[in-house]
Amino acid sequence: GNLIVPASSCTVPGCAPHRKYDAKASSSSAPVQNEKGEGSSEITFGTGQVSGDFYKDRLCIGEKLCFDANFIAADKMTTEPFQEIPFDGIMGLG
């Protein structure tokens, strides 16, 4: 699956209403590459598009469930649908 969160560098309307990931604020953040040696990606959904860089960081859900996670910190998100969605990120479980 994929995890996508808005990056602190994202200033487009699709990112504006959301909390953002700041890699510089995390001591465990590291840029990573995929199996093709790429450090970024662009993903098109049926209703929108995101692009950003790959990162690995410590992800915690609550206080007790923490693990290293790879994700995309999106620096571009289309206005539709991302400006209107009530959640900050996208987790694909496919």
C-alpha atoms as a PDB file:
ATOM      1  CA  GLY A   1       0.000   0.000   0.000  1.00  0.00           C
ATOM      2  CA  ASN A   2       0.886   3.663  -0.070  1.00  0.00           C
ATOM      3  CA  LEU A   3       0.889   6.356   2.579  1.00  0.00           C
ATOM      4  CA  ILE A   4       0.742   9.938   1.352  1.00  0.00           C
ATOM      5  CA  VAL A   5       0.858  13.019   3.572  1.00  0.00           C
ATOM      6  CA  PRO A   6       1.169  16.708   2.669  1.00  0.00           C
ATOM      7  CA  ALA A   7       4.716  18.068   3.027  1.00  0.00           C
ATOM      8  CA  SER A   8       5.499  21.280   4.881  1.00  0.00           C
ATOM      9  CA  SER A   9       6.770  22.666   1.552  1.00  0.00           C
ATOM     10  CA  CYS A  10       3.371  22.200  -0.107  1.00  0.00           C
ATOM     11  CA  THR A  11       1.677  25.558  -0.597  1.00  0.00           C
ATOM     12  CA  VAL A  12      -0.914  24.723  -3.276  1.00  0.00           C
ATOM     13  CA  PRO A  13      -4.655  24.897  -2.415  1.00  0.00           C
ATOM     14  CA  GLY A  14      -4.951  21.094  -2.193  1.00  0.00           C
ATOM     15  CA  CYS A  15      -2.555  21.099   0.782  1.00  0.00           C
ATOM     16  CA  ALA A  16      -3.670  24.348   2.415  1.00  0.00           C
ATOM     17  CA  PRO A  17      -6.290  23.094   4.909  1.00  0.00           C
ATOM     18  CA  HIS A  18      -4.238  20.109   6.107  1.00  0.00           C
ATOM     19  CA  ARG A  19      -1.601  19.384   8.742  1.00  0.00           C
ATOM     20  CA  LYS A  20       1.772  18.829   7.104  1.00  0.00           C
ATOM     21  CA  TYR A  21       4.826  16.608   7.572  1.00  0.00           C
ATOM     22  CA  ASP A  22       8.052  18.501   8.272  1.00  0.00           C
ATOM     23  CA  ALA A  23      11.034  16.211   7.658  1.00  0.00           C
ATOM     24  CA  LYS A  24      13.398  18.737   9.269  1.00  0.00           C
ATOM     25  CA  ALA A  25      11.439  18.567  12.534  1.00  0.00           C
ATOM     26  CA  SER A  26      12.038  14.805  12.912  1.00  0.00           C
ATOM     27  CA  SER A  27      15.316  13.303  14.107  1.00  0.00           C
ATOM     28  CA  SER A  28      14.386   9.944  12.541  1.00  0.00           C
ATOM     29  CA  SER A  29      13.375  11.220   9.086  1.00  0.00           C
ATOM     30  CA  ALA A  30      15.415  10.077   6.091  1.00  0.00           C
ATOM     31  CA  PRO A  31      14.926  10.416   2.341  1.00  0.00           C
ATOM     32  CA  VAL A  32      14.713   7.033   0.611  1.00  0.00           C
ATOM     33  CA  GLN A  33      14.566   5.622  -2.898  1.00  0.00           C
ATOM     34  CA  ASN A  34      12.274   2.994  -4.331  1.00  0.00           C
ATOM     35  CA  GLU A  35      13.439  -0.240  -5.940  1.00  0.00           C
ATOM     36  CA  LYS A  36      14.014   1.650  -9.213  1.00  0.00           C
ATOM     37  CA  GLY A  37      16.351   4.156  -7.531  1.00  0.00           C
ATOM     38  CA  GLU A  38      13.799   6.980  -7.707  1.00  0.00           C
ATOM     39  CA  GLY A  39      13.457   9.456  -4.840  1.00  0.00           C
ATOM     40  CA  SER A  40      10.068  10.828  -5.822  1.00  0.00           C
ATOM     41  CA  SER A  41       6.839   9.892  -7.566  1.00  0.00           C
ATOM     42  CA  GLU A  42       3.681  11.233  -9.130  1.00  0.00           C
ATOM     43  CA  ILE A  43       0.450   9.316  -8.561  1.00  0.00           C
ATOM     44  CA  THR A  44      -2.796   9.878 -10.445  1.00  0.00           C
ATOM     45  CA  PHE A  45      -6.069   8.816  -8.847  1.00  0.00           C
ATOM     46  CA  GLY A  46      -9.460   8.784 -10.531  1.00  0.00           C
ATOM     47  CA  THR A  47     -10.207  12.214  -9.109  1.00  0.00           C
ATOM     48  CA  GLY A  48      -6.839  13.883  -8.479  1.00  0.00           C
ATOM     49  CA  GLN A  49      -3.064  13.779  -8.522  1.00  0.00           C
ATOM     50  CA  VAL A  50      -0.221  14.043  -5.997  1.00  0.00           C
ATOM     51  CA  SER A  51       3.546  14.220  -6.338  1.00  0.00           C
ATOM     52  CA  GLY A  52       6.321  14.288  -3.804  1.00  0.00           C
ATOM     53  CA  ASP A  53       9.437  12.741  -2.309  1.00  0.00           C
ATOM     54  CA  PHE A  54       9.900   9.379  -0.612  1.00  0.00           C
ATOM     55  CA  TYR A  55      10.734   9.361   3.106  1.00  0.00           C
ATOM     56  CA  LYS A  56      11.189   6.870   5.896  1.00  0.00           C
ATOM     57  CA  ASP A  57      10.340   7.917   9.440  1.00  0.00           C
ATOM     58  CA  ARG A  58       9.085   6.578  12.731  1.00  0.00           C
ATOM     59  CA  LEU A  59       5.283   6.469  12.607  1.00  0.00           C
ATOM     60  CA  CYS A  60       3.256   6.160  15.783  1.00  0.00           C
ATOM     61  CA  ILE A  61      -0.437   5.473  16.110  1.00  0.00           C
ATOM     62  CA  GLY A  62      -1.168   6.351  19.694  1.00  0.00           C
ATOM     63  CA  GLU A  63       1.651   5.915  22.199  1.00  0.00           C
ATOM     64  CA  LYS A  64       2.327   2.185  21.949  1.00  0.00           C
ATOM     65  CA  LEU A  65       2.145   1.279  18.276  1.00  0.00           C
ATOM     66  CA  CYS A  66       5.273   2.671  16.567  1.00  0.00           C
ATOM     67  CA  PHE A  67       7.121   1.407  13.501  1.00  0.00           C
ATOM     68  CA  ASP A  68       9.299   2.608  10.631  1.00  0.00           C
ATOM     69  CA  ALA A  69       7.183   3.594   7.641  1.00  0.00           C
ATOM     70  CA  ASN A  70       7.954   4.590   4.063  1.00  0.00           C
ATOM     71  CA  PHE A  71       5.690   7.246   2.574  1.00  0.00           C
ATOM     72  CA  ILE A  72       5.378  10.116   0.139  1.00  0.00           C
ATOM     73  CA  ALA A  73       5.568  13.658   1.481  1.00  0.00           C
ATOM     74  CA  ALA A  74       3.521  15.411  -1.205  1.00  0.00           C
ATOM     75  CA  ASP A  75       4.638  18.853  -2.339  1.00  0.00           C
ATOM     76  CA  LYS A  76       1.827  19.042  -4.915  1.00  0.00           C
ATOM     77  CA  MET A  77      -1.797  17.935  -4.533  1.00  0.00           C
ATOM     78  CA  THR A  78      -4.552  18.887  -6.934  1.00  0.00           C
ATOM     79  CA  THR A  79      -7.202  21.235  -5.596  1.00  0.00           C
ATOM     80  CA  GLU A  80      -9.906  18.682  -6.370  1.00  0.00           C
ATOM     81  CA  PRO A  81     -10.517  16.587  -4.366  1.00  0.00           C
ATOM     82  CA  PHE A  82      -7.822  17.297  -1.759  1.00  0.00           C
ATOM     83  CA  GLN A  83      -8.878  20.781  -0.705  1.00  0.00           C
ATOM     84  CA  GLU A  84     -12.304  19.470   0.319  1.00  0.00           C
ATOM     85  CA  ILE A  85     -11.427  16.152   1.991  1.00  0.00           C
ATOM     86  CA  PRO A  86     -11.611  16.212   5.806  1.00  0.00           C
ATOM     87  CA  PHE A  87      -8.536  14.033   6.441  1.00  0.00           C
ATOM     88  CA  ASP A  88      -4.871  15.020   6.139  1.00  0.00           C
ATOM     89  CA  GLY A  89      -3.366  11.989   4.397  1.00  0.00           C
ATOM     90  CA  ILE A  90      -4.180   8.935   2.326  1.00  0.00           C
ATOM     91  CA  MET A  91      -3.374   5.343   3.200  1.00  0.00           C
ATOM     92  CA  GLY A  92      -3.856   2.769   0.481  1.00  0.00           C
ATOM     93  CA  LEU A  93      -4.122  -0.779   1.688  1.00  0.00           C
ATOM     94  CA  GLY A  94      -3.928  -2.488  -1.718  1.00  0.00           C
END
